[in-house]
Amino acid sequence: MISNRVKLLEAYKTETTQAKVKLSSNELSVDYPEELKDRIAKEVSRIAFNRYPDPTASELKEIVAERFGIRPENIMLGNGSDELIYYLSMSVGELSTGVFFPTPTFPMYEISAKALGRPLVCTPLGEDFDIDLEASLQAIEGHRPTLAYFSYPNNPTGNCFSKEKIQKIRSLGVFTVIDEAYYHFSKKTFLEEAVTREDTVVLRTLSKIGLAGLRVGVLIGKEEIVKELEKVRLPFNISSTSQVIAKLILRDYYHIIEEAVDTTIKEREKMLQHMSNMKGIKVYPSEANFILFKVECMSAQELHSRLLKEGVLVRNMSYLVDNALRVSVGKPQENEMFLEALQKVLV
């Protein structure tokens, strides 16, 4: 029998609609050269598919550690950050204790907590989409959660929360997870605190820097914390294929990722400027690779449909932010097509 706990869950919403320009999933728009694709094909052809992958992904850890400026002992890898979020919700504190996060935010924090039957302790963000510190402290003191998640920058709002507010919340004895999935676009981090404190870990991912199909998430923490969390990690969770391709690209072709990230940041600023001059929408600042905007002249669903008819797919975020859409920053030509389509359908 399926438990009521599971029956009451709502599955994570994904966007699979086909469109000429797909700007809905916060992927990095990057073109890898044929030389790299040929090398990938050769490396993959050497994999012994009848054998299990390296259970510790030790070589990949070495390369990730070098790229992030830490030691391999500070790293735990997951099948995307989603798996790591589930492990943290399973491992930190007793399941009878609450999980705190400000809302709106990345839905997997709520889904993983609910799947385990953990109480939710949530407070709405302020009008500026920053943490409401007074309400948060009051909620934490009243309900005593043992685990807190902060998306940094926050998805879907795009801003980084006040670091001082996060630190204040942590000082109440809450184990703090800083989800830095979009770190490369903000350059803001809690990394130093994660490798030195026992109450803080950082999450990062390769998904937002051009390797979403590999499903490689990275947890960074103090060695003693990582050792404990490794006890619940499912064996062989990073496939041989993902390990081989990620190692090759991070080792020999990382400059391509860096160039694409730099282009994305520049394009984000151009898009923000153009969108801010358009009537009928309210645009919010962003430190990520996407932009959130509220629709003021029609329903978000109507605008979403009109853009889709123009061949542009964005994400309807109205289930998290009232009457809002989110657009990923793509290649320059994709962004131009989006801006032209948006201007057209807003008239």
Protein backbone atom coordinates (compact mmCIF):
# COMPACT_ATOMS: atom_id res chain seq x y z
CA MET A 1 0.00 0.00 0.00
CA ILE A 2 1.25 3.47 -0.88
CA SER A 3 1.46 5.71 2.18
CA ASN A 4 -0.72 8.79 2.51
CA ARG A 5 2.52 10.75 2.86
CA VAL A 6 3.40 9.85 -0.72
CA LYS A 7 -0.14 10.13 -2.04
CA LEU A 8 -0.28 13.72 -0.86
CA LEU A 9 2.96 14.67 -2.61
CA GLU A 10 3.01 16.72 -5.79
CA ALA A 11 5.69 15.69 -8.26
CA TYR A 12 8.31 18.21 -9.35
CA LYS A 13 7.10 20.14 -12.39
CA THR A 14 9.25 20.02 -15.50
CA GLU A 15 8.83 21.74 -18.87
CA THR A 16 9.03 19.44 -21.91
CA THR A 17 7.14 21.47 -24.52
CA GLN A 18 9.01 21.68 -27.82
CA ALA A 19 9.92 25.08 -29.24
CA LYS A 20 12.39 26.66 -31.63
CA VAL A 21 13.95 28.65 -28.80
CA LYS A 22 13.97 26.85 -25.42
CA LEU A 23 14.62 29.22 -22.53
CA SER A 24 12.77 27.40 -19.76
CA SER A 25 15.21 25.21 -17.82
CA ASN A 26 18.18 27.43 -16.87
CA GLU A 27 20.62 25.40 -18.93
CA LEU A 28 23.87 26.92 -20.16
CA SER A 29 23.74 27.62 -23.87
CA VAL A 30 27.09 26.33 -25.10
CA ASP A 31 28.27 24.69 -28.30
CA TYR A 32 30.98 22.08 -27.84
CA PRO A 33 33.40 21.64 -30.76
CA GLU A 34 33.45 18.54 -32.96
CA GLU A 35 36.95 17.79 -31.65
CA LEU A 36 35.51 17.37 -28.15
CA LYS A 37 32.61 15.26 -29.37
CA ASP A 38 35.06 12.95 -31.15
CA ARG A 39 37.13 12.61 -27.99
CA ILE A 40 34.01 11.85 -25.97
CA ALA A 41 33.04 9.13 -28.44
CA LYS A 42 36.48 7.53 -28.14
CA GLU A 43 36.49 7.70 -24.35
CA VAL A 44 32.99 6.28 -24.06
CA SER A 45 33.87 3.43 -26.45
CA ARG A 46 36.50 2.29 -23.95
CA ILE A 47 34.04 1.94 -21.07
CA ALA A 48 33.46 -1.62 -19.88
CA PHE A 49 29.69 -1.39 -19.66
CA ASN A 50 29.43 -4.81 -18.05
CA ARG A 51 31.33 -3.45 -15.04
CA TYR A 52 30.13 -1.13 -12.31
CA PRO A 53 31.47 2.43 -12.33
CA ASP A 54 34.09 3.60 -9.86
CA PRO A 55 31.96 3.70 -6.67
CA THR A 56 33.77 6.75 -5.29
CA ALA A 57 34.29 8.56 -8.62
CA SER A 58 37.75 9.34 -7.25
CA GLU A 59 39.26 10.77 -10.44
CA LEU A 60 36.27 13.03 -11.03
CA LYS A 61 36.44 14.22 -7.43
CA GLU A 62 40.08 15.18 -7.93
CA ILE A 63 39.24 17.32 -10.95
CA VAL A 64 36.16 18.92 -9.33
CA ALA A 65 38.21 19.69 -6.22
CA GLU A 66 40.87 21.39 -8.33
CA ARG A 67 38.28 23.49 -10.16
CA PHE A 68 36.60 24.59 -6.92
CA GLY A 69 39.83 25.11 -4.97
CA ILE A 70 39.19 22.50 -2.27
CA ARG A 71 40.29 18.96 -1.36
CA PRO A 72 38.61 15.76 -2.63
CA GLU A 73 37.91 14.83 1.00
CA ASN A 74 35.54 17.80 1.15
CA ILE A 75 33.39 16.46 -1.69
CA MET A 76 30.44 14.11 -2.03
CA LEU A 77 28.97 13.57 -5.48
CA GLY A 78 25.31 12.96 -6.28
CA ASN A 79 23.11 12.16 -9.22
CA GLY A 80 22.34 15.84 -9.55
CA SER A 81 21.84 18.12 -6.55
CA ASP A 82 18.37 16.60 -6.14
CA GLU A 83 19.87 13.38 -4.80
CA LEU A 84 22.10 15.30 -2.40
CA ILE A 85 19.13 17.32 -1.11
CA TYR A 86 17.33 14.06 -0.38
CA TYR A 87 20.34 12.69 1.50
CA LEU A 88 20.59 15.85 3.59
CA SER A 89 16.88 15.76 4.42
CA MET A 90 17.33 12.13 5.42
CA SER A 91 20.47 12.61 7.51
CA VAL A 92 20.44 15.96 9.30
CA GLY A 93 18.42 15.91 12.49
CA GLU A 94 15.71 13.42 13.36
CA LEU A 95 12.87 12.96 10.91
CA SER A 96 10.48 14.32 13.54
CA THR A 97 12.24 17.71 13.43
CA GLY A 98 11.41 20.41 10.93
CA VAL A 99 13.06 21.67 7.75
CA PHE A 100 13.21 25.43 7.25
CA PHE A 101 13.36 27.41 4.00
CA PRO A 102 12.06 30.78 2.83
CA THR A 103 9.51 30.76 0.03
CA PRO A 104 9.22 30.89 -2.93
CA THR A 105 12.25 28.75 -3.65
CA PHE A 106 13.45 25.55 -5.32
CA PRO A 107 10.63 22.98 -4.84
CA MET A 108 12.90 20.00 -4.13
CA TYR A 109 13.53 21.18 -0.56
CA GLU A 110 9.83 20.80 0.16
CA ILE A 111 9.40 17.58 -1.82
CA SER A 112 12.31 15.80 -0.11
CA ALA A 113 11.13 16.88 3.35
CA LYS A 114 7.54 15.83 2.70
CA ALA A 115 8.63 12.48 1.23
CA LEU A 116 10.34 11.74 4.55
CA GLY A 117 7.45 13.02 6.63
CA ARG A 118 9.39 15.95 8.06
CA PRO A 119 7.51 19.06 9.22
CA LEU A 120 7.95 22.19 7.10
CA VAL A 121 8.87 25.52 8.66
CA CYS A 122 8.53 28.18 5.96
CA THR A 123 8.39 31.97 5.90
CA PRO A 124 7.52 34.14 2.88
CA LEU A 125 10.22 36.36 1.43
CA GLY A 126 9.84 40.10 1.72
CA GLU A 127 8.74 42.30 -1.17
CA ASP A 128 12.39 42.64 -2.17
CA PHE A 129 12.63 38.82 -2.26
CA ASP A 130 15.11 38.84 0.63
CA ILE A 131 14.65 36.86 3.84
CA ASP A 132 12.16 38.24 6.34
CA LEU A 133 14.54 37.90 9.26
CA GLU A 134 12.10 38.72 12.07
CA ALA A 135 9.50 36.23 10.83
CA SER A 136 12.17 33.59 10.20
CA LEU A 137 13.71 33.89 13.65
CA GLN A 138 10.28 33.73 15.23
CA ALA A 139 9.36 30.62 13.24
CA ILE A 140 12.63 28.88 14.05
CA GLU A 141 12.43 29.68 17.76
CA GLY A 142 8.84 28.44 17.81
CA HIS A 143 9.26 25.22 15.83
CA ARG A 144 12.95 24.34 16.33
CA PRO A 145 13.83 22.96 12.87
CA THR A 146 17.22 21.27 12.62
CA LEU A 147 17.87 21.81 8.91
CA ALA A 148 17.64 24.89 6.67
CA TYR A 149 17.96 25.31 2.90
CA PHE A 150 18.91 28.55 1.16
CA SER A 151 19.04 28.77 -2.63
CA TYR A 152 21.88 31.25 -3.30
CA PRO A 153 21.09 32.84 -5.78
CA ASN A 154 17.49 31.89 -5.20
CA ASN A 155 15.48 30.04 -7.81
CA PRO A 156 13.09 31.41 -9.09
CA THR A 157 13.70 34.99 -7.90
CA GLY A 158 17.32 35.28 -9.09
CA ASN A 159 18.72 37.24 -6.14
CA CYS A 160 21.21 36.29 -3.41
CA PHE A 161 19.80 36.55 0.09
CA SER A 162 21.55 38.69 2.69
CA LYS A 163 24.55 36.71 3.95
CA GLU A 164 24.20 38.27 7.38
CA LYS A 165 20.58 37.11 7.65
CA ILE A 166 21.55 33.54 6.77
CA GLN A 167 24.31 33.63 9.37
CA LYS A 168 21.89 34.95 11.98
CA ILE A 169 19.47 32.11 11.30
CA ARG A 170 22.32 29.58 11.45
CA SER A 171 23.37 30.95 14.85
CA LEU A 172 20.15 29.50 16.31
CA GLY A 173 21.64 26.02 15.88
CA VAL A 174 20.21 25.14 12.46
CA PHE A 175 22.33 23.02 10.10
CA THR A 176 22.55 25.24 7.02
CA VAL A 177 22.65 24.15 3.38
CA ILE A 178 23.68 26.82 0.88
CA ASP A 179 22.55 25.71 -2.57
CA GLU A 180 24.95 27.45 -4.95
CA ALA A 181 23.63 25.91 -8.16
CA TYR A 182 24.01 29.30 -9.86
CA TYR A 183 27.30 30.28 -8.20
CA HIS A 184 29.13 30.76 -11.50
CA PHE A 185 26.77 33.60 -12.41
CA SER A 186 26.89 35.41 -9.04
CA LYS A 187 30.45 34.64 -7.84
CA LYS A 188 29.09 34.75 -4.27
CA THR A 189 29.79 31.79 -2.02
CA PHE A 190 29.86 30.27 1.47
CA LEU A 191 32.60 27.85 0.40
CA GLU A 192 35.14 28.85 3.05
CA GLU A 193 32.58 28.38 5.81
CA ALA A 194 31.48 25.03 4.39
CA VAL A 195 34.95 23.47 4.62
CA THR A 196 35.65 24.79 8.11
CA ARG A 197 32.32 24.55 9.97
CA GLU A 198 30.29 21.54 11.05
CA ASP A 199 26.94 23.28 10.61
CA THR A 200 27.25 24.37 6.98
CA VAL A 201 27.53 22.66 3.60
CA VAL A 202 27.45 24.04 0.07
CA LEU A 203 25.76 22.44 -2.92
CA ARG A 204 26.92 23.02 -6.48
CA THR A 205 26.15 21.31 -9.76
CA LEU A 206 27.55 20.76 -13.22
CA SER A 207 24.02 21.06 -14.63
CA LYS A 208 24.07 24.86 -14.84
CA ILE A 209 27.49 25.05 -16.52
CA GLY A 210 26.75 23.06 -19.65
CA LEU A 211 26.58 19.46 -18.39
CA ALA A 212 22.95 19.05 -17.37
CA GLY A 213 22.65 15.72 -19.18
CA LEU A 214 25.35 14.13 -17.01
CA ARG A 215 23.48 14.67 -13.72
CA VAL A 216 26.43 15.44 -11.45
CA GLY A 217 25.79 17.33 -8.23
CA VAL A 218 28.48 18.33 -5.74
CA LEU A 219 28.20 18.61 -1.96
CA ILE A 220 31.04 20.47 -0.26
CA GLY A 221 31.60 20.28 3.47
CA LYS A 222 34.01 19.60 6.27
CA GLU A 223 35.64 16.18 5.91
CA GLU A 224 33.96 14.80 9.04
CA ILE A 225 30.51 15.82 7.79
CA VAL A 226 31.11 14.38 4.32
CA LYS A 227 32.17 11.03 5.85
CA GLU A 228 28.90 10.78 7.76
CA LEU A 229 26.77 11.71 4.76
CA GLU A 230 28.59 9.14 2.59
CA LYS A 231 26.95 6.42 4.71
CA VAL A 232 23.57 7.05 3.08
CA ARG A 233 24.80 7.58 -0.49
CA LEU A 234 23.52 4.90 -2.85
CA PRO A 235 26.36 2.85 -4.36
CA PHE A 236 27.51 3.55 -7.93
CA ASN A 237 25.33 6.68 -8.13
CA ILE A 238 27.51 8.40 -10.75
CA SER A 239 27.50 6.42 -13.99
CA SER A 240 30.67 5.48 -15.84
CA THR A 241 29.56 7.60 -18.79
CA SER A 242 28.99 10.68 -16.65
CA GLN A 243 32.34 10.25 -14.93
CA VAL A 244 34.25 9.88 -18.21
CA ILE A 245 32.62 12.85 -19.97
CA ALA A 246 32.74 15.17 -16.95
CA LYS A 247 36.43 14.42 -16.36
CA LEU A 248 37.31 15.12 -19.96
CA ILE A 249 35.45 18.42 -20.20
CA LEU A 250 36.47 19.76 -16.78
CA ARG A 251 40.10 18.83 -17.36
CA ASP A 252 40.70 19.81 -20.99
CA TYR A 253 37.81 22.01 -22.13
CA TYR A 254 36.84 24.03 -19.07
CA HIS A 255 37.76 27.25 -20.88
CA ILE A 256 34.73 26.72 -23.12
CA ILE A 257 32.48 26.67 -20.06
CA GLU A 258 34.13 29.77 -18.64
CA GLU A 259 33.65 31.66 -21.90
CA ALA A 260 29.99 30.62 -22.09
CA VAL A 261 29.41 31.73 -18.48
CA ASP A 262 30.99 35.12 -19.18
CA THR A 263 28.80 35.53 -22.28
CA THR A 264 25.71 34.58 -20.27
CA ILE A 265 26.43 37.22 -17.62
CA LYS A 266 26.85 39.91 -20.28
CA GLU A 267 23.69 38.80 -22.06
CA ARG A 268 21.77 38.78 -18.76
CA GLU A 269 22.59 42.44 -18.22
CA LYS A 270 21.52 43.34 -21.76
CA MET A 271 18.24 41.47 -21.34
CA LEU A 272 17.54 43.14 -17.99
CA GLN A 273 18.07 46.55 -19.55
CA HIS A 274 15.81 45.87 -22.53
CA MET A 275 13.07 44.18 -20.51
CA SER A 276 13.04 46.96 -17.91
CA ASN A 277 12.01 49.39 -20.67
CA MET A 278 9.02 47.31 -21.75
CA LYS A 279 5.51 48.18 -20.62
CA GLY A 280 3.25 45.50 -19.19
CA ILE A 281 5.85 43.58 -17.19
CA LYS A 282 7.80 44.09 -13.95
CA VAL A 283 11.37 42.78 -14.15
CA TYR A 284 13.40 41.69 -11.13
CA PRO A 285 17.20 41.93 -10.79
CA SER A 286 19.11 38.69 -11.23
CA GLU A 287 22.45 37.24 -10.22
CA ALA A 288 21.71 33.90 -11.88
CA ASN A 289 21.36 32.76 -15.49
CA PHE A 290 17.64 33.53 -15.63
CA ILE A 291 15.32 36.50 -15.16
CA LEU A 292 12.00 36.52 -13.32
CA PHE A 293 9.30 38.95 -14.42
CA LYS A 294 5.71 39.54 -13.41
CA VAL A 295 3.07 40.07 -16.05
CA GLU A 296 0.86 43.11 -15.44
CA CYS A 297 -1.11 43.38 -18.67
CA MET A 298 -2.59 39.86 -18.94
CA SER A 299 -2.33 36.47 -17.26
CA ALA A 300 1.09 34.83 -17.19
CA GLN A 301 -0.44 31.81 -18.92
CA GLU A 302 -1.70 33.99 -21.75
CA LEU A 303 1.71 35.58 -22.26
CA HIS A 304 3.37 32.15 -22.02
CA SER A 305 1.06 30.88 -24.77
CA ARG A 306 1.64 33.90 -26.97
CA LEU A 307 5.42 33.51 -26.70
CA LEU A 308 5.12 29.83 -27.53
CA LYS A 309 3.21 30.69 -30.69
CA GLU A 310 6.21 32.85 -31.63
CA GLY A 311 8.46 29.81 -31.13
CA VAL A 312 9.86 30.83 -27.72
CA LEU A 313 9.44 28.66 -24.62
CA VAL A 314 9.84 30.22 -21.17
CA ARG A 315 8.75 28.87 -17.77
CA ASN A 316 5.43 29.75 -16.17
CA MET A 317 6.32 30.20 -12.49
CA SER A 318 2.85 31.22 -11.32
CA TYR A 319 2.69 28.20 -9.03
CA LEU A 320 5.49 29.82 -7.01
CA VAL A 321 5.24 33.57 -7.77
CA ASP A 322 1.89 35.14 -8.62
CA ASN A 323 1.45 35.71 -12.36
CA ALA A 324 5.17 35.44 -13.12
CA LEU A 325 7.32 33.98 -15.88
CA ARG A 326 11.00 33.05 -15.84
CA VAL A 327 13.25 33.23 -18.87
CA SER A 328 16.66 31.57 -19.05
CA VAL A 329 19.53 33.50 -20.58
CA GLY A 330 20.48 31.76 -23.80
CA LYS A 331 22.76 32.45 -26.74
CA PRO A 332 22.77 36.04 -28.03
CA GLN A 333 20.60 35.16 -31.02
CA GLU A 334 18.13 33.24 -28.83
CA ASN A 335 17.87 36.15 -26.44
CA GLU A 336 17.27 38.53 -29.32
CA MET A 337 14.47 36.31 -30.62
CA PHE A 338 12.91 36.25 -27.14
CA LEU A 339 13.09 40.02 -26.76
CA GLU A 340 11.55 40.59 -30.19
CA ALA A 341 8.79 38.07 -29.47
CA LEU A 342 8.10 39.57 -26.04
CA GLN A 343 7.88 43.10 -27.43
CA LYS A 344 5.53 41.86 -30.14
CA VAL A 345 3.10 39.99 -27.89
CA LEU A 346 3.00 42.73 -25.25
CA VAL A 347 1.67 45.27 -27.74
